[in-house]
Amino acid sequence: MKRHPRNPLITRRDIVSSHPALRDVSSVFNPGGTWFEGRILLLLRVQNRARETLFVKAWSENGVDFQVQGEPLPVLGLEACLHRIFHIYDPRITLLDGIYHVICAVDTDQGCFLGWFTTPDFASLDFRGLVSPANTRNGVFFPEKIDGRYFRFERPNTVMMGDGVKTGSRILCSSSENLLNWSAGEELFSGRPHYWDELIGSGPPPLKTKQGWLHIFHGVATHFGSANIYQAGVSLHDLKHPWVTLARGKYNILEPREIYELCGQVPNVVFPTAALPLQTDSRGCLAPNSEVYVYYGAADTCVCLAVTTVQELLEAVYAP
């Protein structure tokens, strides 16, 4: 993937607001993204100086120049949650059945869950429920049903780090008839000890190609003395049986190299969360020459863009 020369596209200085919770924010990163009414919409994760997390919308005609709103996006219906909620963050957006579905990590007093939200127009997010067991993150919906069922990728947080934080080294594929109740997941693959992707988690929602579902994920190398290193990789999955991994890239496709990726709230991080194709065919598959705009959080501090093509991603999957 090639970094856009305008990186970072969005920083804390672009959050200009009179709202008390958005004055002089600390960071903006890990956006969800989608096409909406002919424009690219990013749902930004914004963190203020109380370390509260809010969502802010940003719009662009060309995917590079963004107009950032000055108000947080309302999140409605949270009173239905049975647990005390601390933070809602890292949105992933999927257009499905004519509705925009947003999966977020929801930190509660009972652990971290996948939270399911919907919206027809991004005027607000409506909470539909917690849709995973506790200690689950990085959930992404597929953009269509497969044999009458909904599918998603997710990561169980079953690995305890030395600092007491739980993370994960496996990605699972679950299915559902109604988006609320989900089956136990089939494992796609697990982390590769001692390499760039020891810990793993899904990035953007999968992209449909004639060859299979393209899946951009993040991997973490933990065996460096100074800090963990977050990178991006790619895998390919069967169109009818998405838990079947057809290929998985040996090499990362993006790693921290620039100063805005190496330095920040969490150093050495590229964290992809949205992948927006510029061209699809009549069957909803991506054209091989279609550019894909991949938006990512850099060092948990700012929002950046990397540009690739479907063909380049497929070549990366099979690179020797």
C-alpha atoms as a PDB file:
ATOM      1  CA  MET A   1       0.000   0.000   0.000  1.00  0.00           C
ATOM      2  CA  LYS A   2       1.147   3.525  -0.718  1.00  0.00           C
ATOM      3  CA  ARG A   3       0.770   6.265   1.860  1.00  0.00           C
ATOM      4  CA  HIS A   4      -1.028   9.356   0.620  1.00  0.00           C
ATOM      5  CA  PRO A   5       1.344  12.339   0.444  1.00  0.00           C
ATOM      6  CA  ARG A   6      -1.136  14.445   2.447  1.00  0.00           C
ATOM      7  CA  ASN A   7      -0.872  12.203   5.511  1.00  0.00           C
ATOM      8  CA  PRO A   8      -1.920  12.625   8.209  1.00  0.00           C
ATOM      9  CA  LEU A   9      -5.313  13.581   6.749  1.00  0.00           C
ATOM     10  CA  ILE A  10      -7.063  14.374  10.031  1.00  0.00           C
ATOM     11  CA  THR A  11      -5.471  15.411  13.321  1.00  0.00           C
ATOM     12  CA  ARG A  12      -6.703  16.801  16.603  1.00  0.00           C
ATOM     13  CA  ARG A  13      -6.382  20.320  15.154  1.00  0.00           C
ATOM     14  CA  ASP A  14      -9.180  19.500  12.679  1.00  0.00           C
ATOM     15  CA  ILE A  15     -11.677  18.999  15.522  1.00  0.00           C
ATOM     16  CA  VAL A  16     -12.929  22.583  15.865  1.00  0.00           C
ATOM     17  CA  SER A  17     -15.954  22.760  18.124  1.00  0.00           C
ATOM     18  CA  SER A  18     -17.724  24.798  20.776  1.00  0.00           C
ATOM     19  CA  HIS A  19     -19.087  21.608  22.312  1.00  0.00           C
ATOM     20  CA  PRO A  20     -17.619  21.301  25.831  1.00  0.00           C
ATOM     21  CA  ALA A  21     -16.485  17.706  25.288  1.00  0.00           C
ATOM     22  CA  LEU A  22     -14.738  18.517  21.990  1.00  0.00           C
ATOM     23  CA  ARG A  23     -12.661  21.532  22.907  1.00  0.00           C
ATOM     24  CA  ASP A  24      -8.924  20.954  22.492  1.00  0.00           C
ATOM     25  CA  VAL A  25      -9.205  17.191  22.047  1.00  0.00           C
ATOM     26  CA  SER A  26      -6.260  14.855  22.540  1.00  0.00           C
ATOM     27  CA  SER A  27      -6.502  12.604  19.484  1.00  0.00           C
ATOM     28  CA  VAL A  28      -8.584  11.357  16.554  1.00  0.00           C
ATOM     29  CA  PHE A  29      -8.024   7.882  15.095  1.00  0.00           C
ATOM     30  CA  ASN A  30      -9.388   4.443  14.026  1.00  0.00           C
ATOM     31  CA  PRO A  31     -12.315   5.656  11.883  1.00  0.00           C
ATOM     32  CA  GLY A  32     -15.127   3.596  10.470  1.00  0.00           C
ATOM     33  CA  GLY A  33     -15.829   4.452   6.838  1.00  0.00           C
ATOM     34  CA  THR A  34     -18.421   4.028   4.098  1.00  0.00           C
ATOM     35  CA  TRP A  35     -19.786   5.520   0.910  1.00  0.00           C
ATOM     36  CA  PHE A  36     -22.882   7.600   1.724  1.00  0.00           C
ATOM     37  CA  GLU A  37     -24.855   9.644  -0.801  1.00  0.00           C
ATOM     38  CA  GLY A  38     -21.942   9.723  -3.237  1.00  0.00           C
ATOM     39  CA  ARG A  39     -19.384  10.894  -0.700  1.00  0.00           C
ATOM     40  CA  ILE A  40     -16.980   9.181   1.679  1.00  0.00           C
ATOM     41  CA  LEU A  41     -18.073   9.360   5.289  1.00  0.00           C
ATOM     42  CA  LEU A  42     -15.673   8.662   8.128  1.00  0.00           C
ATOM     43  CA  LEU A  43     -16.922   8.086  11.648  1.00  0.00           C
ATOM     44  CA  LEU A  44     -13.991   9.316  13.691  1.00  0.00           C
ATOM     45  CA  ARG A  45     -12.998   8.043  17.095  1.00  0.00           C
ATOM     46  CA  VAL A  46     -12.227  11.228  19.025  1.00  0.00           C
ATOM     47  CA  GLN A  47     -10.681  11.215  22.476  1.00  0.00           C
ATOM     48  CA  ASN A  48     -10.861  14.264  24.691  1.00  0.00           C
ATOM     49  CA  ARG A  49      -8.709  15.288  27.635  1.00  0.00           C
ATOM     50  CA  ALA A  50     -10.938  13.401  30.050  1.00  0.00           C
ATOM     51  CA  ARG A  51     -10.099  10.337  27.904  1.00  0.00           C
ATOM     52  CA  GLU A  52     -13.741  10.078  26.968  1.00  0.00           C
ATOM     53  CA  THR A  53     -14.456   8.651  23.518  1.00  0.00           C
ATOM     54  CA  LEU A  54     -16.919  10.290  21.138  1.00  0.00           C
ATOM     55  CA  PHE A  55     -17.844   9.807  17.486  1.00  0.00           C
ATOM     56  CA  VAL A  56     -17.565  12.689  15.029  1.00  0.00           C
ATOM     57  CA  LYS A  57     -18.519  12.598  11.337  1.00  0.00           C
ATOM     58  CA  ALA A  58     -16.242  13.736   8.539  1.00  0.00           C
ATOM     59  CA  TRP A  59     -17.231  14.022   4.850  1.00  0.00           C
ATOM     60  CA  SER A  60     -15.195  14.095   1.655  1.00  0.00           C
ATOM     61  CA  GLU A  61     -15.896  14.324  -2.069  1.00  0.00           C
ATOM     62  CA  ASN A  62     -12.459  12.988  -3.034  1.00  0.00           C
ATOM     63  CA  GLY A  63     -11.466  10.875  -0.035  1.00  0.00           C
ATOM     64  CA  VAL A  64      -8.648  13.215   0.932  1.00  0.00           C
ATOM     65  CA  ASP A  65     -10.096  16.634   1.851  1.00  0.00           C
ATOM     66  CA  PHE A  66     -12.489  16.198   4.767  1.00  0.00           C
ATOM     67  CA  GLN A  67     -15.049  18.489   6.313  1.00  0.00           C
ATOM     68  CA  VAL A  68     -15.241  17.589   9.998  1.00  0.00           C
ATOM     69  CA  GLN A  69     -18.417  18.263  11.941  1.00  0.00           C
ATOM     70  CA  GLY A  70     -18.254  20.218  15.170  1.00  0.00           C
ATOM     71  CA  GLU A  71     -20.742  18.134  17.167  1.00  0.00           C
ATOM     72  CA  PRO A  72     -20.502  14.556  18.449  1.00  0.00           C
ATOM     73  CA  LEU A  73     -22.816  12.018  16.862  1.00  0.00           C
ATOM     74  CA  PRO A  74     -25.664  11.110  19.246  1.00  0.00           C
ATOM     75  CA  VAL A  75     -25.754   7.487  20.371  1.00  0.00           C
ATOM     76  CA  LEU A  76     -29.291   6.493  21.346  1.00  0.00           C
ATOM     77  CA  GLY A  77     -30.771   3.616  23.318  1.00  0.00           C
ATOM     78  CA  LEU A  78     -27.835   2.851  25.593  1.00  0.00           C
ATOM     79  CA  GLU A  79     -30.172   2.638  28.583  1.00  0.00           C
ATOM     80  CA  ALA A  80     -31.137  -0.809  27.264  1.00  0.00           C
ATOM     81  CA  CYS A  81     -27.645  -2.101  28.024  1.00  0.00           C
ATOM     82  CA  LEU A  82     -27.612  -4.103  31.259  1.00  0.00           C
ATOM     83  CA  HIS A  83     -23.989  -3.223  32.037  1.00  0.00           C
ATOM     84  CA  ARG A  84     -22.300   0.033  32.935  1.00  0.00           C
ATOM     85  CA  ILE A  85     -20.645   1.384  29.777  1.00  0.00           C
ATOM     86  CA  PHE A  86     -17.290   3.148  29.973  1.00  0.00           C
ATOM     87  CA  HIS A  87     -16.262   3.578  26.320  1.00  0.00           C
ATOM     88  CA  ILE A  88     -17.618   2.852  22.830  1.00  0.00           C
ATOM     89  CA  TYR A  89     -14.932   2.937  20.158  1.00  0.00           C
ATOM     90  CA  ASP A  90     -13.327   1.609  16.942  1.00  0.00           C
ATOM     91  CA  PRO A  91     -16.437   1.580  14.702  1.00  0.00           C
ATOM     92  CA  ARG A  92     -16.622  -0.624  11.602  1.00  0.00           C
ATOM     93  CA  ILE A  93     -19.400   0.220   9.136  1.00  0.00           C
ATOM     94  CA  THR A  94     -21.220  -2.158   6.767  1.00  0.00           C
ATOM     95  CA  LEU A  95     -24.118  -1.340   4.425  1.00  0.00           C
ATOM     96  CA  LEU A  96     -26.428  -4.338   4.665  1.00  0.00           C
ATOM     97  CA  ASP A  97     -30.085  -4.689   3.622  1.00  0.00           C
ATOM     98  CA  GLY A  98     -30.259  -0.936   2.956  1.00  0.00           C
ATOM     99  CA  ILE A  99     -29.225  -0.003   6.514  1.00  0.00           C
ATOM    100  CA  TYR A 100     -25.826   1.029   7.826  1.00  0.00           C
ATOM    101  CA  HIS A 101     -24.676  -1.337  10.553  1.00  0.00           C
ATOM    102  CA  VAL A 102     -21.913  -0.223  12.903  1.00  0.00           C
ATOM    103  CA  ILE A 103     -20.030  -2.673  15.093  1.00  0.00           C
ATOM    104  CA  CYS A 104     -18.028  -1.142  17.938  1.00  0.00           C
ATOM    105  CA  ALA A 105     -16.010  -2.288  20.891  1.00  0.00           C
ATOM    106  CA  VAL A 106     -17.992  -1.544  24.055  1.00  0.00           C
ATOM    107  CA  ASP A 107     -16.023  -1.476  27.306  1.00  0.00           C
ATOM    108  CA  THR A 108     -18.247  -2.236  30.301  1.00  0.00           C
ATOM    109  CA  ASP A 109     -17.921  -3.200  33.932  1.00  0.00           C
ATOM    110  CA  GLN A 110     -18.393  -6.816  32.778  1.00  0.00           C
ATOM    111  CA  GLY A 111     -15.734  -6.767  30.062  1.00  0.00           C
ATOM    112  CA  CYS A 112     -15.440  -5.704  26.432  1.00  0.00           C
ATOM    113  CA  PHE A 113     -18.267  -6.735  24.073  1.00  0.00           C
ATOM    114  CA  LEU A 114     -19.173  -6.172  20.444  1.00  0.00           C
ATOM    115  CA  GLY A 115     -21.934  -3.571  20.315  1.00  0.00           C
ATOM    116  CA  TRP A 116     -24.334  -3.484  17.353  1.00  0.00           C
ATOM    117  CA  PHE A 117     -25.681  -0.112  16.194  1.00  0.00           C
ATOM    118  CA  THR A 118     -27.724   0.876  13.140  1.00  0.00           C
ATOM    119  CA  THR A 119     -28.536   4.082  11.279  1.00  0.00           C
ATOM    120  CA  PRO A 120     -30.284   4.936   8.003  1.00  0.00           C
ATOM    121  CA  ASP A 121     -28.684   8.393   7.659  1.00  0.00           C
ATOM    122  CA  PHE A 122     -25.949   8.932  10.283  1.00  0.00           C
ATOM    123  CA  ALA A 123     -28.066  11.499  12.127  1.00  0.00           C
ATOM    124  CA  SER A 124     -27.537   9.234  15.165  1.00  0.00           C
ATOM    125  CA  LEU A 125     -26.558   5.697  16.053  1.00  0.00           C
ATOM    126  CA  ASP A 126     -29.229   3.427  17.519  1.00  0.00           C
ATOM    127  CA  PHE A 127     -28.046   0.771  19.953  1.00  0.00           C
ATOM    128  CA  ARG A 128     -29.404  -2.701  19.127  1.00  0.00           C
ATOM    129  CA  GLY A 129     -27.573  -4.780  21.677  1.00  0.00           C
ATOM    130  CA  LEU A 130     -24.390  -6.483  22.773  1.00  0.00           C
ATOM    131  CA  VAL A 131     -23.867  -9.285  20.272  1.00  0.00           C
ATOM    132  CA  SER A 132     -20.886 -11.256  21.538  1.00  0.00           C
ATOM    133  CA  PRO A 133     -19.551 -12.946  24.639  1.00  0.00           C
ATOM    134  CA  ALA A 134     -17.498 -10.797  26.973  1.00  0.00           C
ATOM    135  CA  ASN A 135     -13.894 -10.141  25.961  1.00  0.00           C
ATOM    136  CA  THR A 136     -14.483  -9.885  22.211  1.00  0.00           C
ATOM    137  CA  ARG A 137     -13.229  -7.164  19.857  1.00  0.00           C
ATOM    138  CA  ASN A 138     -12.600  -6.359  16.191  1.00  0.00           C
ATOM    139  CA  GLY A 139     -15.991  -7.452  14.891  1.00  0.00           C
ATOM    140  CA  VAL A 140     -16.828  -6.836  11.210  1.00  0.00           C
ATOM    141  CA  PHE A 141     -20.036  -7.727   9.348  1.00  0.00           C
ATOM    142  CA  PHE A 142     -20.015  -9.106   5.816  1.00  0.00           C
ATOM    143  CA  PRO A 143     -21.871  -6.839   3.320  1.00  0.00           C
ATOM    144  CA  GLU A 144     -24.308  -9.559   2.189  1.00  0.00           C
ATOM    145  CA  LYS A 145     -25.972 -12.760   3.356  1.00  0.00           C
ATOM    146  CA  ILE A 146     -24.378 -16.056   2.404  1.00  0.00           C
ATOM    147  CA  ASP A 147     -26.818 -18.950   1.982  1.00  0.00           C
ATOM    148  CA  GLY A 148     -29.411 -17.037   3.973  1.00  0.00           C
ATOM    149  CA  ARG A 149     -27.218 -16.242   6.975  1.00  0.00           C
ATOM    150  CA  TYR A 150     -25.294 -13.200   8.169  1.00  0.00           C
ATOM    151  CA  PHE A 151     -21.580 -13.601   8.847  1.00  0.00           C
ATOM    152  CA  ARG A 152     -18.943 -11.686  10.753  1.00  0.00           C
ATOM    153  CA  PHE A 153     -15.300 -11.972  11.711  1.00  0.00           C
ATOM    154  CA  GLU A 154     -14.319 -11.315  15.338  1.00  0.00           C
ATOM    155  CA  ARG A 155     -11.476 -11.750  17.795  1.00  0.00           C
ATOM    156  CA  PRO A 156     -11.826 -13.316  21.239  1.00  0.00           C
ATOM    157  CA  ASN A 157      -9.593 -11.621  23.798  1.00  0.00           C
ATOM    158  CA  THR A 158      -8.103 -14.650  25.503  1.00  0.00           C
ATOM    159  CA  VAL A 159      -4.428 -13.640  25.729  1.00  0.00           C
ATOM    160  CA  MET A 160      -3.346 -11.825  28.899  1.00  0.00           C
ATOM    161  CA  MET A 161      -0.478  -9.395  28.393  1.00  0.00           C
ATOM    162  CA  GLY A 162       2.081  -8.546  31.041  1.00  0.00           C
ATOM    163  CA  ASP A 163       0.334  -5.240  31.813  1.00  0.00           C
ATOM    164  CA  GLY A 164      -2.957  -7.034  32.555  1.00  0.00           C
ATOM    165  CA  VAL A 165      -4.632  -6.072  29.273  1.00  0.00           C
ATOM    166  CA  LYS A 166      -6.413  -8.848  27.375  1.00  0.00           C
ATOM    167  CA  THR A 167      -5.869  -9.216  23.640  1.00  0.00           C
ATOM    168  CA  GLY A 168      -6.200 -11.979  21.068  1.00  0.00           C
ATOM    169  CA  SER A 169      -4.280 -14.307  18.759  1.00  0.00           C
ATOM    170  CA  ARG A 170      -7.191 -15.873  16.823  1.00  0.00           C
ATOM    171  CA  ILE A 171      -9.811 -14.621  14.372  1.00  0.00           C
ATOM    172  CA  LEU A 172     -13.158 -16.439  14.273  1.00  0.00           C
ATOM    173  CA  CYS A 173     -16.058 -16.490  11.802  1.00  0.00           C
ATOM    174  CA  SER A 174     -19.565 -16.497  13.344  1.00  0.00           C
ATOM    175  CA  SER A 175     -22.994 -16.570  11.705  1.00  0.00           C
ATOM    176  CA  SER A 176     -26.510 -15.455  12.591  1.00  0.00           C
ATOM    177  CA  GLU A 177     -30.074 -15.488  11.304  1.00  0.00           C
ATOM    178  CA  ASN A 178     -31.040 -12.142  12.868  1.00  0.00           C
ATOM    179  CA  LEU A 179     -27.801 -10.186  13.634  1.00  0.00           C
ATOM    180  CA  LEU A 180     -28.537 -10.399  17.363  1.00  0.00           C
ATOM    181  CA  ASN A 181     -27.926 -14.055  18.221  1.00  0.00           C
ATOM    182  CA  TRP A 182     -24.670 -15.518  16.897  1.00  0.00           C
ATOM    183  CA  SER A 183     -23.276 -19.041  16.591  1.00  0.00           C
ATOM    184  CA  ALA A 184     -19.975 -20.122  18.039  1.00  0.00           C
ATOM    185  CA  GLY A 185     -17.239 -19.159  15.596  1.00  0.00           C
ATOM    186  CA  GLU A 186     -15.084 -21.267  13.291  1.00  0.00           C
ATOM    187  CA  GLU A 187     -11.395 -20.310  13.450  1.00  0.00           C
ATOM    188  CA  LEU A 188      -9.915 -18.622  10.362  1.00  0.00           C
ATOM    189  CA  PHE A 189      -6.324 -18.607  11.533  1.00  0.00           C
ATOM    190  CA  SER A 190      -4.190 -17.716  14.519  1.00  0.00           C
ATOM    191  CA  GLY A 191      -1.152 -15.593  15.200  1.00  0.00           C
ATOM    192  CA  ARG A 192       2.299 -16.656  14.062  1.00  0.00           C
ATOM    193  CA  PRO A 193       4.688 -16.618  17.055  1.00  0.00           C
ATOM    194  CA  HIS A 194       7.960 -14.717  16.591  1.00  0.00           C
ATOM    195  CA  TYR A 195       6.811 -13.018  13.363  1.00  0.00           C
ATOM    196  CA  TRP A 196       5.003  -9.783  12.482  1.00  0.00           C
ATOM    197  CA  ASP A 197       1.513 -11.084  13.357  1.00  0.00           C
ATOM    198  CA  GLU A 198       1.804 -12.782  16.735  1.00  0.00           C
ATOM    199  CA  LEU A 199      -1.429 -11.109  17.844  1.00  0.00           C
ATOM    200  CA  ILE A 200      -4.146 -10.440  15.256  1.00  0.00           C
ATOM    201  CA  GLY A 201      -7.564  -8.883  14.664  1.00  0.00           C
ATOM    202  CA  SER A 202      -9.793  -7.958  11.738  1.00  0.00           C
ATOM    203  CA  GLY A 203      -9.513  -4.503  10.233  1.00  0.00           C
ATOM    204  CA  PRO A 204     -12.168  -3.256   7.772  1.00  0.00           C
ATOM    205  CA  PRO A 205     -15.181  -5.350   6.723  1.00  0.00           C
ATOM    206  CA  PRO A 206     -14.287  -7.937   4.038  1.00  0.00           C
ATOM    207  CA  LEU A 207     -14.239  -6.946   0.356  1.00  0.00           C
ATOM    208  CA  LYS A 208     -15.864  -9.188  -2.260  1.00  0.00           C
ATOM    209  CA  THR A 209     -13.820 -10.204  -5.304  1.00  0.00           C
ATOM    210  CA  LYS A 210     -14.291 -12.974  -7.860  1.00  0.00           C
ATOM    211  CA  GLN A 211     -11.391 -14.806  -6.218  1.00  0.00           C
ATOM    212  CA  GLY A 212     -12.848 -14.632  -2.700  1.00  0.00           C
ATOM    213  CA  TRP A 213     -13.327 -12.302   0.259  1.00  0.00           C
ATOM    214  CA  LEU A 214     -10.340  -9.997   0.766  1.00  0.00           C
ATOM    215  CA  HIS A 215      -9.699  -9.425   4.447  1.00  0.00           C
ATOM    216  CA  ILE A 216      -7.325  -6.757   5.723  1.00  0.00           C
ATOM    217  CA  PHE A 217      -6.265  -7.451   9.297  1.00  0.00           C
ATOM    218  CA  HIS A 218      -3.816  -6.077  11.821  1.00  0.00           C
ATOM    219  CA  GLY A 219      -0.948  -8.000  13.307  1.00  0.00           C
ATOM    220  CA  VAL A 220       1.177  -7.194  16.333  1.00  0.00           C
ATOM    221  CA  ALA A 221       4.816  -8.126  16.828  1.00  0.00           C
ATOM    222  CA  THR A 222       5.387  -8.393  20.576  1.00  0.00           C
ATOM    223  CA  HIS A 223       8.982  -9.628  20.685  1.00  0.00           C
ATOM    224  CA  PHE A 224      10.652  -6.207  20.473  1.00  0.00           C
ATOM    225  CA  GLY A 225      12.056  -4.789  23.685  1.00  0.00           C
ATOM    226  CA  SER A 226      10.832  -1.219  23.339  1.00  0.00           C
ATOM    227  CA  ALA A 227       7.196  -1.580  22.217  1.00  0.00           C
ATOM    228  CA  ASN A 228       4.700  -3.703  20.345  1.00  0.00           C
ATOM    229  CA  ILE A 229       4.542  -3.000  16.600  1.00  0.00           C
ATOM    230  CA  TYR A 230       1.113  -2.874  14.925  1.00  0.00           C
ATOM    231  CA  GLN A 231       1.076  -3.650  11.203  1.00  0.00           C
ATOM    232  CA  ALA A 232      -1.451  -4.550   8.489  1.00  0.00           C
ATOM    233  CA  GLY A 233      -1.762  -7.745   6.474  1.00  0.00           C
ATOM    234  CA  VAL A 234      -4.191  -9.415   4.073  1.00  0.00           C
ATOM    235  CA  SER A 235      -5.880 -12.790   3.659  1.00  0.00           C
ATOM    236  CA  LEU A 236      -8.365 -14.316   1.202  1.00  0.00           C
ATOM    237  CA  HIS A 237     -11.431 -16.402   2.086  1.00  0.00           C
ATOM    238  CA  ASP A 238     -13.872 -18.639   0.260  1.00  0.00           C
ATOM    239  CA  LEU A 239     -16.963 -16.844  -1.063  1.00  0.00           C
ATOM    240  CA  LYS A 240     -19.420 -19.511   0.147  1.00  0.00           C
ATOM    241  CA  HIS A 241     -17.516 -20.650   3.239  1.00  0.00           C
ATOM    242  CA  PRO A 242     -15.795 -17.519   4.538  1.00  0.00           C
ATOM    243  CA  TRP A 243     -14.156 -19.301   7.472  1.00  0.00           C
ATOM    244  CA  VAL A 244     -12.048 -21.200   4.923  1.00  0.00           C
ATOM    245  CA  THR A 245      -8.778 -19.349   4.385  1.00  0.00           C
ATOM    246  CA  LEU A 246      -7.622 -19.679   0.783  1.00  0.00           C
ATOM    247  CA  ALA A 247      -4.402 -17.739   1.292  1.00  0.00           C
ATOM    248  CA  ARG A 248      -2.704 -15.498   3.841  1.00  0.00           C
ATOM    249  CA  GLY A 249       0.011 -13.012   3.080  1.00  0.00           C
ATOM    250  CA  LYS A 250       3.454 -13.842   4.407  1.00  0.00           C
ATOM    251  CA  TYR A 251       4.492 -10.200   4.618  1.00  0.00           C
ATOM    252  CA  ASN A 252       2.813  -7.197   6.163  1.00  0.00           C
ATOM    253  CA  ILE A 253       1.427  -4.696   3.638  1.00  0.00           C
ATOM    254  CA  LEU A 254       1.910  -1.631   5.852  1.00  0.00           C
ATOM    255  CA  GLU A 255       4.121  -1.060   8.879  1.00  0.00           C
ATOM    256  CA  PRO A 256       5.004   1.986  10.991  1.00  0.00           C
ATOM    257  CA  ARG A 257       7.732   3.990   9.269  1.00  0.00           C
ATOM    258  CA  GLU A 258       6.677   7.637   9.235  1.00  0.00           C
ATOM    259  CA  ILE A 259       7.007   9.924  12.249  1.00  0.00           C
ATOM    260  CA  TYR A 260       3.215  10.178  12.674  1.00  0.00           C
ATOM    261  CA  GLU A 261       3.061   6.358  12.930  1.00  0.00           C
ATOM    262  CA  LEU A 262       6.100   5.962  15.156  1.00  0.00           C
ATOM    263  CA  CYS A 263       5.287   8.699  17.688  1.00  0.00           C
ATOM    264  CA  GLY A 264       2.005   9.371  19.461  1.00  0.00           C
ATOM    265  CA  GLN A 265      -0.257   8.125  22.238  1.00  0.00           C
ATOM    266  CA  VAL A 266       0.649   4.543  21.350  1.00  0.00           C
ATOM    267  CA  PRO A 267       3.881   4.465  19.314  1.00  0.00           C
ATOM    268  CA  ASN A 268       4.551   2.123  16.383  1.00  0.00           C
ATOM    269  CA  VAL A 269       0.952   1.667  15.242  1.00  0.00           C
ATOM    270  CA  VAL A 270      -0.825   1.432  11.912  1.00  0.00           C
ATOM    271  CA  PHE A 271      -4.381   0.198  12.526  1.00  0.00           C
ATOM    272  CA  PRO A 272      -6.652  -0.175   9.448  1.00  0.00           C
ATOM    273  CA  THR A 273     -10.389   0.190  10.080  1.00  0.00           C
ATOM    274  CA  ALA A 274     -11.988   1.192   6.745  1.00  0.00           C
ATOM    275  CA  ALA A 275     -11.343   0.020   3.164  1.00  0.00           C
ATOM    276  CA  LEU A 276     -13.420   1.770   0.514  1.00  0.00           C
ATOM    277  CA  PRO A 277     -13.266   0.584  -3.111  1.00  0.00           C
ATOM    278  CA  LEU A 278     -13.720   3.047  -5.943  1.00  0.00           C
ATOM    279  CA  GLN A 279     -15.188   0.562  -8.480  1.00  0.00           C
ATOM    280  CA  THR A 280     -17.465  -2.485  -8.341  1.00  0.00           C
ATOM    281  CA  ASP A 281     -19.036  -4.570 -11.108  1.00  0.00           C
ATOM    282  CA  SER A 282     -22.721  -5.392 -11.603  1.00  0.00           C
ATOM    283  CA  ARG A 283     -22.485  -8.399  -9.265  1.00  0.00           C
ATOM    284  CA  GLY A 284     -21.016  -6.416  -6.405  1.00  0.00           C
ATOM    285  CA  CYS A 285     -17.480  -7.738  -6.887  1.00  0.00           C
ATOM    286  CA  LEU A 286     -14.513  -5.405  -6.975  1.00  0.00           C
ATOM    287  CA  ALA A 287     -12.823  -4.867 -10.314  1.00  0.00           C
ATOM    288  CA  PRO A 288      -9.163  -6.015 -10.266  1.00  0.00           C
ATOM    289  CA  ASN A 289      -7.944  -2.534 -11.206  1.00  0.00           C
ATOM    290  CA  SER A 290     -10.166  -0.793  -8.659  1.00  0.00           C
ATOM    291  CA  GLU A 291      -8.334   1.469  -6.261  1.00  0.00           C
ATOM    292  CA  VAL A 292      -9.050   0.864  -2.584  1.00  0.00           C
ATOM    293  CA  TYR A 293      -8.723   3.667  -0.043  1.00  0.00           C
ATOM    294  CA  VAL A 294      -7.623   2.213   3.291  1.00  0.00           C
ATOM    295  CA  TYR A 295      -8.054   4.540   6.257  1.00  0.00           C
ATOM    296  CA  TYR A 296      -6.075   3.792   9.375  1.00  0.00           C
ATOM    297  CA  GLY A 297      -5.253   5.143  12.774  1.00  0.00           C
ATOM    298  CA  ALA A 298      -1.609   6.113  13.251  1.00  0.00           C
ATOM    299  CA  ALA A 299      -0.063   5.847  16.729  1.00  0.00           C
ATOM    300  CA  ASP A 300      -3.589   6.153  18.219  1.00  0.00           C
ATOM    301  CA  THR A 301      -3.274   9.860  17.462  1.00  0.00           C
ATOM    302  CA  CYS A 302      -4.319  10.766  13.898  1.00  0.00           C
ATOM    303  CA  VAL A 303      -6.088   9.459  10.770  1.00  0.00           C
ATOM    304  CA  CYS A 304      -4.164   8.490   7.645  1.00  0.00           C
ATOM    305  CA  LEU A 305      -4.801   7.058   4.185  1.00  0.00           C
ATOM    306  CA  ALA A 306      -3.051   4.327   2.225  1.00  0.00           C
ATOM    307  CA  VAL A 307      -3.979   3.591  -1.389  1.00  0.00           C
ATOM    308  CA  THR A 308      -3.817   0.204  -3.080  1.00  0.00           C
ATOM    309  CA  THR A 309      -5.666  -1.818  -5.726  1.00  0.00           C
ATOM    310  CA  VAL A 310      -7.544  -5.100  -5.616  1.00  0.00           C
ATOM    311  CA  GLN A 311      -4.873  -6.670  -7.810  1.00  0.00           C
ATOM    312  CA  GLU A 312      -2.079  -5.516  -5.513  1.00  0.00           C
ATOM    313  CA  LEU A 313      -3.871  -6.972  -2.494  1.00  0.00           C
ATOM    314  CA  LEU A 314      -4.348 -10.308  -4.277  1.00  0.00           C
ATOM    315  CA  GLU A 315      -0.681 -10.351  -5.228  1.00  0.00           C
ATOM    316  CA  ALA A 316       0.254  -9.658  -1.604  1.00  0.00           C
ATOM    317  CA  VAL A 317      -1.885 -12.590  -0.442  1.00  0.00           C
ATOM    318  CA  TYR A 318       0.072 -15.001  -2.634  1.00  0.00           C
ATOM    319  CA  ALA A 319       3.536 -13.413  -2.376  1.00  0.00           C
ATOM    320  CA  PRO A 320       6.173 -16.178  -1.952  1.00  0.00           C
END
